[in-house]
């Protein structure tokens, strides 16, 4: 588990997926480090990424930008990013910014399968 600038990231590899469970606000103070941590693990391996954001109550524009960058890097490597979140403010923010039009976002925790 990694903790920094008000956010905690737990990492778990299940099959060809790495699941990052993130808790805390994703904001200017920690978005870049969160992005680096995810890409450090996923960037060099043949794995897909699930970001579990159900523990994230708020995400600012820097946090949204980090999600876009993670998505872009993984897409270029023919990998997939799936974002799991609760219905609520954060999902609404992503919908308003139209991130859900080109990113895989779900509220269905069954995507975690046995890792839940």
N, C-alpha and C. Protein backbone atom coordinates (compact mmCIF):
# COMPACT_ATOMS: atom_id res chain seq x y z
N UNK A 1 0.85 -1.18 0.00
CA UNK A 1 0.00 0.00 0.00
C UNK A 1 0.90 1.24 0.00
N UNK A 2 0.55 2.19 -0.83
CA UNK A 2 1.25 3.48 -0.89
C UNK A 2 0.32 4.58 -0.43
N UNK A 3 0.82 5.48 0.38
CA UNK A 3 0.06 6.65 0.81
C UNK A 3 0.90 7.89 0.56
N UNK A 4 0.28 8.91 -0.01
CA UNK A 4 0.96 10.17 -0.24
C UNK A 4 -0.07 11.25 -0.50
N UNK A 5 0.21 12.43 0.01
CA UNK A 5 -0.61 13.63 -0.23
C UNK A 5 -2.11 13.37 -0.15
N UNK A 6 -2.53 12.63 0.87
CA UNK A 6 -3.96 12.45 1.11
C UNK A 6 -4.63 11.35 0.31
N UNK A 7 -3.85 10.56 -0.41
CA UNK A 7 -4.44 9.46 -1.18
C UNK A 7 -3.70 8.16 -0.84
N UNK A 8 -4.45 7.07 -0.86
CA UNK A 8 -3.89 5.74 -0.60
C UNK A 8 -4.16 4.86 -1.81
N UNK A 9 -3.13 4.12 -2.23
CA UNK A 9 -3.28 3.22 -3.37
C UNK A 9 -2.89 1.82 -2.93
N UNK A 10 -3.83 0.89 -3.10
CA UNK A 10 -3.55 -0.52 -2.87
C UNK A 10 -3.53 -1.20 -4.24
N UNK A 11 -2.61 -2.11 -4.41
CA UNK A 11 -2.39 -2.75 -5.70
C UNK A 11 -2.53 -4.26 -5.56
N UNK A 12 -3.21 -4.87 -6.53
CA UNK A 12 -3.39 -6.32 -6.51
C UNK A 12 -3.40 -6.81 -7.96
N UNK A 13 -2.60 -7.84 -8.24
CA UNK A 13 -2.58 -8.43 -9.58
C UNK A 13 -3.42 -9.69 -9.57
N UNK A 14 -4.36 -9.77 -10.53
CA UNK A 14 -5.23 -10.92 -10.66
C UNK A 14 -5.24 -11.31 -12.15
N UNK A 15 -4.62 -12.42 -12.47
CA UNK A 15 -4.53 -12.84 -13.87
C UNK A 15 -3.78 -11.80 -14.70
N UNK A 16 -4.41 -11.34 -15.76
CA UNK A 16 -3.80 -10.33 -16.63
C UNK A 16 -4.25 -8.92 -16.28
N UNK A 17 -4.74 -8.73 -15.08
CA UNK A 17 -5.20 -7.41 -14.62
C UNK A 17 -4.44 -6.98 -13.38
N UNK A 18 -4.15 -5.71 -13.31
CA UNK A 18 -3.69 -5.14 -12.05
C UNK A 18 -4.78 -4.18 -11.60
N UNK A 19 -5.19 -4.33 -10.36
CA UNK A 19 -6.26 -3.52 -9.79
C UNK A 19 -5.64 -2.54 -8.81
N UNK A 20 -5.90 -1.27 -9.04
CA UNK A 20 -5.46 -0.23 -8.13
C UNK A 20 -6.71 0.30 -7.42
N UNK A 21 -6.79 0.07 -6.12
CA UNK A 21 -7.89 0.61 -5.31
C UNK A 21 -7.40 1.91 -4.71
N UNK A 22 -8.05 2.99 -5.06
CA UNK A 22 -7.61 4.32 -4.66
C UNK A 22 -8.62 4.92 -3.70
N UNK A 23 -8.12 5.49 -2.61
CA UNK A 23 -8.98 6.14 -1.62
C UNK A 23 -8.43 7.53 -1.32
N UNK A 24 -9.32 8.50 -1.28
CA UNK A 24 -8.93 9.88 -1.04
C UNK A 24 -9.19 10.74 -2.26
N UNK A 25 -9.07 12.03 -2.09
CA UNK A 25 -9.29 12.96 -3.19
C UNK A 25 -8.11 12.92 -4.16
N UNK A 26 -8.41 12.87 -5.46
CA UNK A 26 -7.37 12.93 -6.48
C UNK A 26 -7.33 14.38 -6.98
N UNK A 27 -6.28 15.08 -6.57
CA UNK A 27 -6.18 16.53 -6.82
C UNK A 27 -4.76 16.88 -7.27
N UNK A 28 -4.55 18.15 -7.51
CA UNK A 28 -3.26 18.65 -7.99
C UNK A 28 -2.09 18.14 -7.16
N UNK A 29 -2.27 18.00 -5.87
CA UNK A 29 -1.17 17.60 -4.97
C UNK A 29 -0.73 16.16 -5.16
N UNK A 30 -1.59 15.30 -5.74
CA UNK A 30 -1.23 13.90 -5.83
C UNK A 30 -1.50 13.24 -7.18
N UNK A 31 -2.14 13.94 -8.11
CA UNK A 31 -2.55 13.33 -9.38
C UNK A 31 -1.36 12.80 -10.19
N UNK A 32 -0.31 13.59 -10.26
CA UNK A 32 0.85 13.17 -11.06
C UNK A 32 1.53 11.94 -10.45
N UNK A 33 1.63 11.91 -9.15
CA UNK A 33 2.26 10.76 -8.49
C UNK A 33 1.38 9.51 -8.64
N UNK A 34 0.07 9.67 -8.55
CA UNK A 34 -0.84 8.55 -8.76
C UNK A 34 -0.68 8.02 -10.18
N UNK A 35 -0.65 8.92 -11.15
CA UNK A 35 -0.47 8.53 -12.55
C UNK A 35 0.86 7.78 -12.73
N UNK A 36 1.92 8.30 -12.16
CA UNK A 36 3.24 7.66 -12.27
C UNK A 36 3.23 6.28 -11.66
N UNK A 37 2.60 6.14 -10.51
CA UNK A 37 2.55 4.84 -9.83
C UNK A 37 1.83 3.80 -10.68
N UNK A 38 0.71 4.18 -11.26
CA UNK A 38 -0.06 3.25 -12.10
C UNK A 38 0.75 2.88 -13.34
N UNK A 39 1.31 3.87 -14.01
CA UNK A 39 2.05 3.59 -15.25
C UNK A 39 3.36 2.87 -14.99
N UNK A 40 3.96 3.09 -13.84
CA UNK A 40 5.18 2.37 -13.47
C UNK A 40 4.91 0.87 -13.43
N UNK A 41 3.79 0.49 -12.87
CA UNK A 41 3.44 -0.93 -12.76
C UNK A 41 2.94 -1.47 -14.09
N UNK A 42 2.09 -0.73 -14.77
CA UNK A 42 1.41 -1.24 -15.95
C UNK A 42 2.14 -0.94 -17.25
N UNK A 43 3.02 0.04 -17.24
CA UNK A 43 3.64 0.48 -18.48
C UNK A 43 4.50 -0.55 -19.18
N UNK A 44 5.17 -1.39 -18.43
CA UNK A 44 6.09 -2.33 -19.05
C UNK A 44 5.58 -3.75 -19.13
N UNK A 45 4.41 -4.00 -18.64
CA UNK A 45 3.89 -5.36 -18.60
C UNK A 45 2.69 -5.52 -19.52
N UNK A 46 2.43 -6.74 -19.91
CA UNK A 46 1.28 -7.06 -20.76
C UNK A 46 0.04 -7.28 -19.89
N UNK A 47 -0.39 -6.22 -19.23
CA UNK A 47 -1.54 -6.34 -18.34
C UNK A 47 -2.49 -5.19 -18.60
N UNK A 48 -3.75 -5.43 -18.26
CA UNK A 48 -4.77 -4.38 -18.29
C UNK A 48 -4.90 -3.81 -16.89
N UNK A 49 -5.48 -2.63 -16.80
CA UNK A 49 -5.57 -1.91 -15.53
C UNK A 49 -7.02 -1.67 -15.17
N UNK A 50 -7.35 -1.95 -13.92
CA UNK A 50 -8.64 -1.57 -13.35
C UNK A 50 -8.34 -0.56 -12.25
N UNK A 51 -8.90 0.62 -12.38
CA UNK A 51 -8.80 1.63 -11.32
C UNK A 51 -10.10 1.60 -10.55
N UNK A 52 -10.02 1.20 -9.30
CA UNK A 52 -11.19 1.18 -8.42
C UNK A 52 -11.23 2.51 -7.69
N UNK A 53 -12.10 3.39 -8.16
CA UNK A 53 -12.21 4.74 -7.59
C UNK A 53 -13.41 4.88 -6.66
N UNK A 54 -13.94 3.78 -6.17
CA UNK A 54 -15.10 3.87 -5.27
C UNK A 54 -14.77 4.59 -3.98
N UNK A 55 -13.50 4.68 -3.61
CA UNK A 55 -13.10 5.39 -2.40
C UNK A 55 -12.67 6.83 -2.67
N UNK A 56 -12.97 7.34 -3.85
CA UNK A 56 -12.57 8.70 -4.23
C UNK A 56 -13.81 9.62 -4.17
N UNK A 57 -13.85 10.54 -3.20
CA UNK A 57 -15.01 11.43 -3.08
C UNK A 57 -14.95 12.67 -3.97
N UNK A 58 -13.74 12.97 -4.50
CA UNK A 58 -13.58 14.19 -5.30
C UNK A 58 -12.39 14.02 -6.23
N UNK A 59 -12.52 14.56 -7.45
CA UNK A 59 -11.42 14.54 -8.40
C UNK A 59 -11.42 15.89 -9.13
N UNK A 60 -10.26 16.55 -9.15
CA UNK A 60 -10.19 17.85 -9.81
C UNK A 60 -9.69 17.66 -11.25
N UNK A 61 -9.46 18.78 -11.95
CA UNK A 61 -9.06 18.69 -13.36
C UNK A 61 -7.71 18.00 -13.52
N UNK A 62 -6.82 18.13 -12.56
CA UNK A 62 -5.53 17.44 -12.64
C UNK A 62 -5.74 15.93 -12.50
N UNK A 63 -6.64 15.54 -11.64
CA UNK A 63 -6.97 14.12 -11.49
C UNK A 63 -7.61 13.56 -12.75
N UNK A 64 -8.53 14.32 -13.34
CA UNK A 64 -9.14 13.88 -14.59
C UNK A 64 -8.09 13.78 -15.69
N UNK A 65 -7.17 14.73 -15.72
CA UNK A 65 -6.09 14.70 -16.71
C UNK A 65 -5.21 13.47 -16.54
N UNK A 66 -4.95 13.10 -15.30
CA UNK A 66 -4.14 11.90 -15.03
C UNK A 66 -4.85 10.65 -15.57
N UNK A 67 -6.16 10.57 -15.41
CA UNK A 67 -6.91 9.43 -15.94
C UNK A 67 -6.80 9.37 -17.45
N UNK A 68 -6.90 10.52 -18.11
CA UNK A 68 -6.78 10.57 -19.57
C UNK A 68 -5.39 10.12 -20.00
N UNK A 69 -4.36 10.58 -19.30
CA UNK A 69 -2.99 10.19 -19.66
C UNK A 69 -2.77 8.69 -19.47
N UNK A 70 -3.27 8.14 -18.39
CA UNK A 70 -3.15 6.69 -18.17
C UNK A 70 -3.84 5.94 -19.31
N UNK A 71 -5.05 6.38 -19.64
CA UNK A 71 -5.81 5.76 -20.72
C UNK A 71 -5.03 5.82 -22.04
N UNK A 72 -4.48 6.98 -22.36
CA UNK A 72 -3.75 7.16 -23.62
C UNK A 72 -2.52 6.27 -23.71
N UNK A 73 -1.74 6.20 -22.62
CA UNK A 73 -0.54 5.37 -22.61
C UNK A 73 -0.91 3.90 -22.80
N UNK A 74 -1.93 3.45 -22.08
CA UNK A 74 -2.33 2.05 -22.19
C UNK A 74 -2.88 1.74 -23.58
N UNK A 75 -3.67 2.65 -24.14
CA UNK A 75 -4.22 2.44 -25.49
C UNK A 75 -3.11 2.27 -26.52
N UNK A 76 -2.06 3.08 -26.42
CA UNK A 76 -0.95 2.99 -27.37
C UNK A 76 -0.24 1.64 -27.28
N UNK A 77 -0.37 0.97 -26.15
CA UNK A 77 0.25 -0.34 -25.95
C UNK A 77 -0.77 -1.47 -26.12
N UNK A 78 -1.93 -1.13 -26.71
CA UNK A 78 -3.00 -2.11 -26.92
C UNK A 78 -3.46 -2.76 -25.62
N UNK A 79 -3.52 -1.96 -24.58
CA UNK A 79 -4.01 -2.44 -23.29
C UNK A 79 -5.28 -1.66 -22.94
N UNK A 80 -5.93 -2.12 -21.91
CA UNK A 80 -7.22 -1.56 -21.56
C UNK A 80 -7.20 -0.98 -20.16
N UNK A 81 -7.88 0.16 -20.01
CA UNK A 81 -8.13 0.76 -18.70
C UNK A 81 -9.62 0.67 -18.44
N UNK A 82 -9.97 0.16 -17.29
CA UNK A 82 -11.36 0.13 -16.85
C UNK A 82 -11.43 0.87 -15.53
N UNK A 83 -12.36 1.80 -15.42
CA UNK A 83 -12.53 2.59 -14.20
C UNK A 83 -13.82 2.17 -13.53
N UNK A 84 -13.69 1.73 -12.28
CA UNK A 84 -14.83 1.33 -11.47
C UNK A 84 -15.10 2.44 -10.47
N UNK A 85 -16.35 2.89 -10.39
CA UNK A 85 -16.68 3.96 -9.44
C UNK A 85 -18.13 3.85 -9.02
N UNK A 86 -18.45 4.57 -7.97
CA UNK A 86 -19.83 4.67 -7.51
C UNK A 86 -20.58 5.68 -8.36
N UNK A 87 -21.90 5.51 -8.43
CA UNK A 87 -22.72 6.59 -8.98
C UNK A 87 -22.60 7.74 -8.00
N UNK A 88 -22.46 8.94 -8.47
CA UNK A 88 -22.34 10.07 -7.57
C UNK A 88 -21.54 11.19 -8.19
N UNK A 89 -20.99 12.04 -7.34
CA UNK A 89 -20.32 13.26 -7.78
C UNK A 89 -19.16 13.01 -8.73
N UNK A 90 -18.29 12.07 -8.43
CA UNK A 90 -17.11 11.84 -9.26
C UNK A 90 -17.53 11.32 -10.63
N UNK A 91 -18.45 10.39 -10.67
CA UNK A 91 -18.92 9.88 -11.97
C UNK A 91 -19.60 10.99 -12.75
N UNK A 92 -20.37 11.79 -12.07
CA UNK A 92 -21.04 12.93 -12.71
C UNK A 92 -20.00 13.88 -13.33
N UNK A 93 -18.91 14.15 -12.60
CA UNK A 93 -17.84 15.01 -13.13
C UNK A 93 -17.25 14.42 -14.41
N UNK A 94 -16.97 13.12 -14.41
CA UNK A 94 -16.40 12.48 -15.59
C UNK A 94 -17.38 12.50 -16.76
N UNK A 95 -18.68 12.33 -16.46
CA UNK A 95 -19.70 12.40 -17.51
C UNK A 95 -19.81 13.81 -18.08
N UNK A 96 -19.79 14.82 -17.22
CA UNK A 96 -19.88 16.21 -17.66
C UNK A 96 -18.70 16.56 -18.57
N UNK A 97 -17.53 16.06 -18.23
CA UNK A 97 -16.32 16.32 -19.03
C UNK A 97 -16.24 15.38 -20.24
N UNK A 98 -17.22 14.55 -20.41
CA UNK A 98 -17.33 13.60 -21.52
C UNK A 98 -16.22 12.54 -21.55
N UNK A 99 -15.60 12.31 -20.41
CA UNK A 99 -14.59 11.26 -20.37
C UNK A 99 -15.21 9.89 -20.59
N UNK A 100 -16.45 9.75 -20.18
CA UNK A 100 -17.12 8.46 -20.35
C UNK A 100 -17.42 8.15 -21.83
N UNK A 101 -17.25 9.15 -22.69
CA UNK A 101 -17.48 8.89 -24.12
C UNK A 101 -16.31 8.15 -24.77
N UNK A 102 -15.13 8.18 -24.15
CA UNK A 102 -13.99 7.47 -24.74
C UNK A 102 -13.21 6.62 -23.75
N UNK A 103 -13.67 6.57 -22.51
CA UNK A 103 -13.02 5.73 -21.51
C UNK A 103 -14.03 4.70 -21.00
N UNK A 104 -13.52 3.54 -20.59
CA UNK A 104 -14.38 2.48 -20.05
C UNK A 104 -14.64 2.76 -18.57
N UNK A 105 -15.86 3.19 -18.26
CA UNK A 105 -16.24 3.53 -16.89
C UNK A 105 -17.47 2.71 -16.53
N UNK A 106 -17.43 2.09 -15.36
CA UNK A 106 -18.55 1.28 -14.91
C UNK A 106 -18.79 1.48 -13.42
N UNK A 107 -20.01 1.17 -13.01
CA UNK A 107 -20.36 1.16 -11.59
C UNK A 107 -20.60 -0.28 -11.11
N UNK A 108 -20.36 -1.25 -11.98
CA UNK A 108 -20.64 -2.65 -11.69
C UNK A 108 -19.40 -3.32 -11.09
N UNK A 109 -19.43 -3.56 -9.80
CA UNK A 109 -18.28 -4.14 -9.09
C UNK A 109 -18.00 -5.57 -9.50
N UNK A 110 -18.89 -6.20 -10.25
CA UNK A 110 -18.64 -7.58 -10.72
C UNK A 110 -17.43 -7.64 -11.64
N UNK A 111 -16.97 -6.49 -12.17
CA UNK A 111 -15.77 -6.50 -13.02
C UNK A 111 -14.55 -6.96 -12.25
N UNK A 112 -14.60 -6.85 -10.92
CA UNK A 112 -13.48 -7.30 -10.09
C UNK A 112 -13.44 -8.81 -9.93
N UNK A 113 -14.53 -9.48 -10.24
CA UNK A 113 -14.59 -10.94 -10.14
C UNK A 113 -14.15 -11.42 -8.78
N UNK A 114 -13.25 -12.37 -8.75
CA UNK A 114 -12.76 -12.97 -7.51
C UNK A 114 -11.88 -12.04 -6.71
N UNK A 115 -11.46 -10.93 -7.31
CA UNK A 115 -10.57 -9.99 -6.61
C UNK A 115 -11.33 -9.06 -5.68
N UNK A 116 -12.64 -9.06 -5.75
CA UNK A 116 -13.45 -8.14 -4.96
C UNK A 116 -13.28 -8.31 -3.48
